[in-house]
Amino acid sequence: ALIALIGGYIGIRINNSTMPARCDLCGSVG
């Protein structure tokens, strides 16, 4: 259940393009 909740949260945020991320190349926030 915990894996499903965390996976669902991350999946929804990525699908809506609202997941906070840090660039692998320069390190800035996106």
All heavy atoms as atom14 arrays in JSON, in Angstrom:
{
  "sequence": "ALIALIGGYIGIRINNSTMPARCDLCGSVG",
  "atom14_mask": [
    [1, 1, 1, 1, 1, 0, 0, 0, 0, 0, 0, 0, 0, 0],
    [1, 1, 1, 1, 1, 1, 1, 1, 0, 0, 0, 0, 0, 0],
    [1, 1, 1, 1, 1, 1, 1, 1, 0, 0, 0, 0, 0, 0],
    [1, 1, 1, 1, 1, 0, 0, 0, 0, 0, 0, 0, 0, 0],
    [1, 1, 1, 1, 1, 1, 1, 1, 0, 0, 0, 0, 0, 0],
    [1, 1, 1, 1, 1, 1, 1, 1, 0, 0, 0, 0, 0, 0],
    [1, 1, 1, 1, 0, 0, 0, 0, 0, 0, 0, 0, 0, 0],
    [1, 1, 1, 1, 0, 0, 0, 0, 0, 0, 0, 0, 0, 0],
    [1, 1, 1, 1, 1, 1, 1, 1, 1, 1, 1, 1, 0, 0],
    [1, 1, 1, 1, 1, 1, 1, 1, 0, 0, 0, 0, 0, 0],
    [1, 1, 1, 1, 0, 0, 0, 0, 0, 0, 0, 0, 0, 0],
    [1, 1, 1, 1, 1, 1, 1, 1, 0, 0, 0, 0, 0, 0],
    [1, 1, 1, 1, 1, 1, 1, 1, 1, 1, 1, 0, 0, 0],
    [1, 1, 1, 1, 1, 1, 1, 1, 0, 0, 0, 0, 0, 0],
    [1, 1, 1, 1, 1, 1, 1, 1, 0, 0, 0, 0, 0, 0],
    [1, 1, 1, 1, 1, 1, 1, 1, 0, 0, 0, 0, 0, 0],
    [1, 1, 1, 1, 1, 1, 0, 0, 0, 0, 0, 0, 0, 0],
    [1, 1, 1, 1, 1, 1, 1, 0, 0, 0, 0, 0, 0, 0],
    [1, 1, 1, 1, 1, 1, 1, 1, 0, 0, 0, 0, 0, 0],
    [1, 1, 1, 1, 1, 1, 1, 0, 0, 0, 0, 0, 0, 0],
    [1, 1, 1, 1, 1, 0, 0, 0, 0, 0, 0, 0, 0, 0],
    [1, 1, 1, 1, 1, 1, 1, 1, 1, 1, 1, 0, 0, 0],
    [1, 1, 1, 1, 1, 1, 0, 0, 0, 0, 0, 0, 0, 0],
    [1, 1, 1, 1, 1, 1, 1, 1, 0, 0, 0, 0, 0, 0],
    [1, 1, 1, 1, 1, 1, 1, 1, 0, 0, 0, 0, 0, 0],
    [1, 1, 1, 1, 1, 1, 0, 0, 0, 0, 0, 0, 0, 0],
    [1, 1, 1, 1, 0, 0, 0, 0, 0, 0, 0, 0, 0, 0],
    [1, 1, 1, 1, 1, 1, 0, 0, 0, 0, 0, 0, 0, 0],
    [1, 1, 1, 1, 1, 1, 1, 0, 0, 0, 0, 0, 0, 0],
    [1, 1, 1, 1, 0, 0, 0, 0, 0, 0, 0, 0, 0, 0]
  ],
  "atom14_positions": [
    [[0.83, -1.21, 0.0], [0.0, 0.0, 0.0], [0.87, 1.26, 0.0], [0.57, 2.23, -0.69], [-0.94, 0.0, 1.2], [0.0, 0.0, 0.0], [0.0, 0.0, 0.0], [0.0, 0.0, 0.0], [0.0, 0.0, 0.0], [0.0, 0.0, 0.0], [0.0, 0.0, 0.0], [0.0, 0.0, 0.0], [0.0, 0.0, 0.0], [0.0, 0.0, 0.0]],
    [[1.95, 1.23, 0.76], [2.87, 2.37, 0.79], [3.54, 2.59, -0.56], [3.63, 3.74, -1.04], [3.92, 2.17, 1.87], [4.89, 3.32, 2.1], [4.15, 4.54, 2.59], [5.96, 2.92, 3.09], [0.0, 0.0, 0.0], [0.0, 0.0, 0.0], [0.0, 0.0, 0.0], [0.0, 0.0, 0.0], [0.0, 0.0, 0.0], [0.0, 0.0, 0.0]],
    [[3.97, 1.51, -1.21], [4.56, 1.63, -2.55], [3.53, 2.2, -3.53], [3.85, 3.05, -4.36], [5.09, 0.27, -3.04], [6.33, -0.14, -2.27], [5.43, 0.32, -4.53], [6.84, -1.53, -2.6], [0.0, 0.0, 0.0], [0.0, 0.0, 0.0], [0.0, 0.0, 0.0], [0.0, 0.0, 0.0], [0.0, 0.0, 0.0], [0.0, 0.0, 0.0]],
    [[2.27, 1.75, -3.42], [1.23, 2.23, -4.32], [0.95, 3.72, -4.09], [0.77, 4.47, -5.06], [-0.05, 1.42, -4.12], [0.0, 0.0, 0.0], [0.0, 0.0, 0.0], [0.0, 0.0, 0.0], [0.0, 0.0, 0.0], [0.0, 0.0, 0.0], [0.0, 0.0, 0.0], [0.0, 0.0, 0.0], [0.0, 0.0, 0.0], [0.0, 0.0, 0.0]],
    [[0.91, 4.16, -2.84], [0.67, 5.58, -2.56], [1.8, 6.46, -3.08], [1.55, 7.48, -3.73], [0.5, 5.79, -1.05], [-0.84, 5.38, -0.47], [-0.81, 5.49, 1.05], [-1.94, 6.25, -1.04], [0.0, 0.0, 0.0], [0.0, 0.0, 0.0], [0.0, 0.0, 0.0], [0.0, 0.0, 0.0], [0.0, 0.0, 0.0], [0.0, 0.0, 0.0]],
    [[3.03, 6.07, -2.81], [4.17, 6.87, -3.26], [4.27, 6.85, -4.78], [4.48, 7.89, -5.41], [5.47, 6.36, -2.61], [5.44, 6.63, -1.12], [6.69, 7.03, -3.25], [6.56, 5.99, -0.35], [0.0, 0.0, 0.0], [0.0, 0.0, 0.0], [0.0, 0.0, 0.0], [0.0, 0.0, 0.0], [0.0, 0.0, 0.0], [0.0, 0.0, 0.0]],
    [[4.1, 5.68, -5.39], [4.13, 5.58, -6.85], [3.01, 6.36, -7.51], [3.22, 7.0, -8.54], [0.0, 0.0, 0.0], [0.0, 0.0, 0.0], [0.0, 0.0, 0.0], [0.0, 0.0, 0.0], [0.0, 0.0, 0.0], [0.0, 0.0, 0.0], [0.0, 0.0, 0.0], [0.0, 0.0, 0.0], [0.0, 0.0, 0.0], [0.0, 0.0, 0.0]],
    [[1.83, 6.31, -6.93], [0.71, 7.09, -7.47], [0.94, 8.58, -7.38], [0.67, 9.34, -8.32], [0.0, 0.0, 0.0], [0.0, 0.0, 0.0], [0.0, 0.0, 0.0], [0.0, 0.0, 0.0], [0.0, 0.0, 0.0], [0.0, 0.0, 0.0], [0.0, 0.0, 0.0], [0.0, 0.0, 0.0], [0.0, 0.0, 0.0], [0.0, 0.0, 0.0]],
    [[1.48, 9.03, -6.24], [1.78, 10.45, -6.06], [2.81, 10.94, -7.08], [2.61, 11.95, -7.76], [2.28, 10.69, -4.64], [2.77, 12.09, -4.38], [1.88, 13.13, -4.22], [4.13, 12.38, -4.33], [2.32, 14.42, -3.99], [4.58, 13.65, -4.1], [3.67, 14.67, -3.94], [4.12, 15.94, -3.72], [0.0, 0.0, 0.0], [0.0, 0.0, 0.0]],
    [[3.9, 10.19, -7.21], [4.95, 10.58, -8.16], [4.42, 10.51, -9.59], [4.67, 11.39, -10.41], [6.2, 9.71, -7.98], [6.88, 10.05, -6.65], [7.19, 9.9, -9.12], [8.03, 9.15, -6.29], [0.0, 0.0, 0.0], [0.0, 0.0, 0.0], [0.0, 0.0, 0.0], [0.0, 0.0, 0.0], [0.0, 0.0, 0.0], [0.0, 0.0, 0.0]],
    [[3.66, 9.46, -9.9], [3.1, 9.31, -11.25], [2.16, 10.43, -11.64], [2.21, 10.94, -12.76], [0.0, 0.0, 0.0], [0.0, 0.0, 0.0], [0.0, 0.0, 0.0], [0.0, 0.0, 0.0], [0.0, 0.0, 0.0], [0.0, 0.0, 0.0], [0.0, 0.0, 0.0], [0.0, 0.0, 0.0], [0.0, 0.0, 0.0], [0.0, 0.0, 0.0]],
    [[1.29, 10.83, -10.73], [0.36, 11.92, -11.02], [1.11, 13.23, -11.2], [0.81, 14.01, -12.11], [-0.7, 12.03, -9.9], [-1.65, 10.84, -9.98], [-1.47, 13.34, -9.99], [-2.59, 10.72, -8.8], [0.0, 0.0, 0.0], [0.0, 0.0, 0.0], [0.0, 0.0, 0.0], [0.0, 0.0, 0.0], [0.0, 0.0, 0.0], [0.0, 0.0, 0.0]],
    [[2.09, 13.49, -10.34], [2.86, 14.74, -10.46], [3.64, 14.78, -11.77], [3.73, 15.83, -12.42], [3.84, 14.88, -9.28], [3.22, 15.04, -7.92], [2.62, 16.39, -7.62], [3.47, 17.52, -7.79], [4.08, 18.18, -6.81], [3.96, 17.78, -5.57], [4.83, 19.22, -7.07], [0.0, 0.0, 0.0], [0.0, 0.0, 0.0], [0.0, 0.0, 0.0]],
    [[4.22, 13.65, -12.19], [4.96, 13.62, -13.46], [4.0, 13.77, -14.63], [4.28, 14.49, -15.58], [5.79, 12.33, -13.57], [6.99, 12.4, -12.63], [6.28, 12.1, -15.0], [7.82, 11.14, -12.57], [0.0, 0.0, 0.0], [0.0, 0.0, 0.0], [0.0, 0.0, 0.0], [0.0, 0.0, 0.0], [0.0, 0.0, 0.0], [0.0, 0.0, 0.0]],
    [[2.84, 13.12, -14.57], [1.87, 13.2, -15.66], [1.34, 14.63, -15.83], [1.07, 15.07, -16.94], [0.71, 12.24, -15.42], [-0.11, 12.0, -16.65], [0.39, 12.11, -17.76], [-1.37, 11.66, -16.46], [0.0, 0.0, 0.0], [0.0, 0.0, 0.0], [0.0, 0.0, 0.0], [0.0, 0.0, 0.0], [0.0, 0.0, 0.0], [0.0, 0.0, 0.0]],
    [[1.21, 15.37, -14.73], [0.75, 16.76, -14.79], [1.88, 17.76, -15.0], [1.64, 18.97, -15.01], [-0.02, 17.12, -13.52], [-1.3, 16.35, -13.39], [-1.89, 15.92, -14.38], [-1.77, 16.18, -12.17], [0.0, 0.0, 0.0], [0.0, 0.0, 0.0], [0.0, 0.0, 0.0], [0.0, 0.0, 0.0], [0.0, 0.0, 0.0], [0.0, 0.0, 0.0]],
    [[3.11, 17.29, -15.11], [4.31, 18.13, -15.27], [4.48, 19.11, -14.12], [4.9, 20.25, -14.3], [4.27, 18.88, -16.6], [4.32, 17.99, -17.67], [0.0, 0.0, 0.0], [0.0, 0.0, 0.0], [0.0, 0.0, 0.0], [0.0, 0.0, 0.0], [0.0, 0.0, 0.0], [0.0, 0.0, 0.0], [0.0, 0.0, 0.0], [0.0, 0.0, 0.0]],
    [[4.17, 18.68, -12.9], [4.33, 19.53, -11.72], [5.32, 18.95, -10.72], [5.44, 19.48, -9.62], [2.97, 19.74, -11.02], [2.45, 18.47, -10.65], [2.0, 20.48, -11.9], [0.0, 0.0, 0.0], [0.0, 0.0, 0.0], [0.0, 0.0, 0.0], [0.0, 0.0, 0.0], [0.0, 0.0, 0.0], [0.0, 0.0, 0.0], [0.0, 0.0, 0.0]],
    [[6.02, 17.89, -11.09], [6.99, 17.27, -10.18], [8.24, 18.13, -10.1], [8.9, 18.36, -11.12], [7.33, 15.86, -10.68], [8.25, 15.1, -9.78], [7.37, 14.62, -8.32], [8.69, 13.91, -7.38], [0.0, 0.0, 0.0], [0.0, 0.0, 0.0], [0.0, 0.0, 0.0], [0.0, 0.0, 0.0], [0.0, 0.0, 0.0], [0.0, 0.0, 0.0]],
    [[8.59, 18.65, -8.9], [9.82, 19.43, -8.79], [11.04, 18.57, -9.11], [11.13, 17.43, -8.66], [9.85, 19.87, -7.33], [8.55, 19.51, -6.75], [7.9, 18.53, -7.64], [0.0, 0.0, 0.0], [0.0, 0.0, 0.0], [0.0, 0.0, 0.0], [0.0, 0.0, 0.0], [0.0, 0.0, 0.0], [0.0, 0.0, 0.0], [0.0, 0.0, 0.0]],
    [[11.93, 19.11, -9.92], [13.08, 18.33, -10.36], [14.34, 19.19, -10.35], [14.27, 20.41, -10.36], [12.83, 17.79, -11.77], [0.0, 0.0, 0.0], [0.0, 0.0, 0.0], [0.0, 0.0, 0.0], [0.0, 0.0, 0.0], [0.0, 0.0, 0.0], [0.0, 0.0, 0.0], [0.0, 0.0, 0.0], [0.0, 0.0, 0.0], [0.0, 0.0, 0.0]],
    [[15.48, 18.52, -10.32], [16.77, 19.18, -10.41], [17.46, 18.64, -11.66], [17.52, 17.44, -11.88], [17.6, 18.89, -9.16], [18.86, 19.71, -9.1], [19.45, 19.74, -7.72], [18.56, 20.21, -6.67], [18.36, 21.5, -6.38], [18.95, 22.43, -7.08], [17.58, 21.84, -5.39], [0.0, 0.0, 0.0], [0.0, 0.0, 0.0], [0.0, 0.0, 0.0]],
    [[18.0, 19.54, -12.46], [18.62, 19.18, -13.73], [19.87, 18.33, -13.49], [20.68, 18.63, -12.62], [18.97, 20.43, -14.52], [19.7, 20.1, -16.12], [0.0, 0.0, 0.0], [0.0, 0.0, 0.0], [0.0, 0.0, 0.0], [0.0, 0.0, 0.0], [0.0, 0.0, 0.0], [0.0, 0.0, 0.0], [0.0, 0.0, 0.0], [0.0, 0.0, 0.0]],
    [[20.02, 17.27, -14.27], [21.19, 16.4, -14.18], [22.42, 17.07, -14.77], [23.55, 16.71, -14.42], [20.95, 15.09, -14.92], [19.93, 14.22, -14.22], [20.17, 13.89, -13.06], [18.92, 13.88, -14.84], [0.0, 0.0, 0.0], [0.0, 0.0, 0.0], [0.0, 0.0, 0.0], [0.0, 0.0, 0.0], [0.0, 0.0, 0.0], [0.0, 0.0, 0.0]],
    [[22.24, 18.01, -15.66], [23.38, 18.62, -16.35], [23.94, 19.83, -15.62], [25.15, 19.97, -15.48], [22.96, 19.01, -17.77], [22.44, 17.85, -18.64], [21.97, 18.38, -19.98], [23.51, 16.8, -18.81], [0.0, 0.0, 0.0], [0.0, 0.0, 0.0], [0.0, 0.0, 0.0], [0.0, 0.0, 0.0], [0.0, 0.0, 0.0], [0.0, 0.0, 0.0]],
    [[23.05, 20.75, -15.17], [23.56, 21.98, -14.56], [23.19, 22.14, -13.09], [23.76, 22.96, -12.39], [23.06, 23.19, -15.34], [21.29, 23.47, -15.21], [0.0, 0.0, 0.0], [0.0, 0.0, 0.0], [0.0, 0.0, 0.0], [0.0, 0.0, 0.0], [0.0, 0.0, 0.0], [0.0, 0.0, 0.0], [0.0, 0.0, 0.0], [0.0, 0.0, 0.0]],
    [[22.21, 21.38, -12.58], [21.84, 21.44, -11.18], [20.78, 22.45, -10.83], [20.45, 22.61, -9.66], [0.0, 0.0, 0.0], [0.0, 0.0, 0.0], [0.0, 0.0, 0.0], [0.0, 0.0, 0.0], [0.0, 0.0, 0.0], [0.0, 0.0, 0.0], [0.0, 0.0, 0.0], [0.0, 0.0, 0.0], [0.0, 0.0, 0.0], [0.0, 0.0, 0.0]],
    [[20.22, 23.16, -11.81], [19.19, 24.13, -11.49], [17.83, 23.44, -11.33], [17.64, 22.29, -11.69], [19.11, 25.21, -12.58], [18.64, 24.65, -13.78], [0.0, 0.0, 0.0], [0.0, 0.0, 0.0], [0.0, 0.0, 0.0], [0.0, 0.0, 0.0], [0.0, 0.0, 0.0], [0.0, 0.0, 0.0], [0.0, 0.0, 0.0], [0.0, 0.0, 0.0]],
    [[16.89, 24.17, -10.76], [15.57, 23.62, -10.44], [14.66, 23.74, -11.65], [14.68, 24.73, -12.38], [14.98, 24.36, -9.23], [13.58, 23.87, -8.92], [15.87, 24.18, -8.02], [0.0, 0.0, 0.0], [0.0, 0.0, 0.0], [0.0, 0.0, 0.0], [0.0, 0.0, 0.0], [0.0, 0.0, 0.0], [0.0, 0.0, 0.0], [0.0, 0.0, 0.0]],
    [[13.85, 22.72, -11.87], [12.88, 22.72, -12.97], [11.73, 21.8, -12.62], [11.49, 21.5, -11.45], [0.0, 0.0, 0.0], [0.0, 0.0, 0.0], [0.0, 0.0, 0.0], [0.0, 0.0, 0.0], [0.0, 0.0, 0.0], [0.0, 0.0, 0.0], [0.0, 0.0, 0.0], [0.0, 0.0, 0.0], [0.0, 0.0, 0.0], [0.0, 0.0, 0.0]]
  ]
}
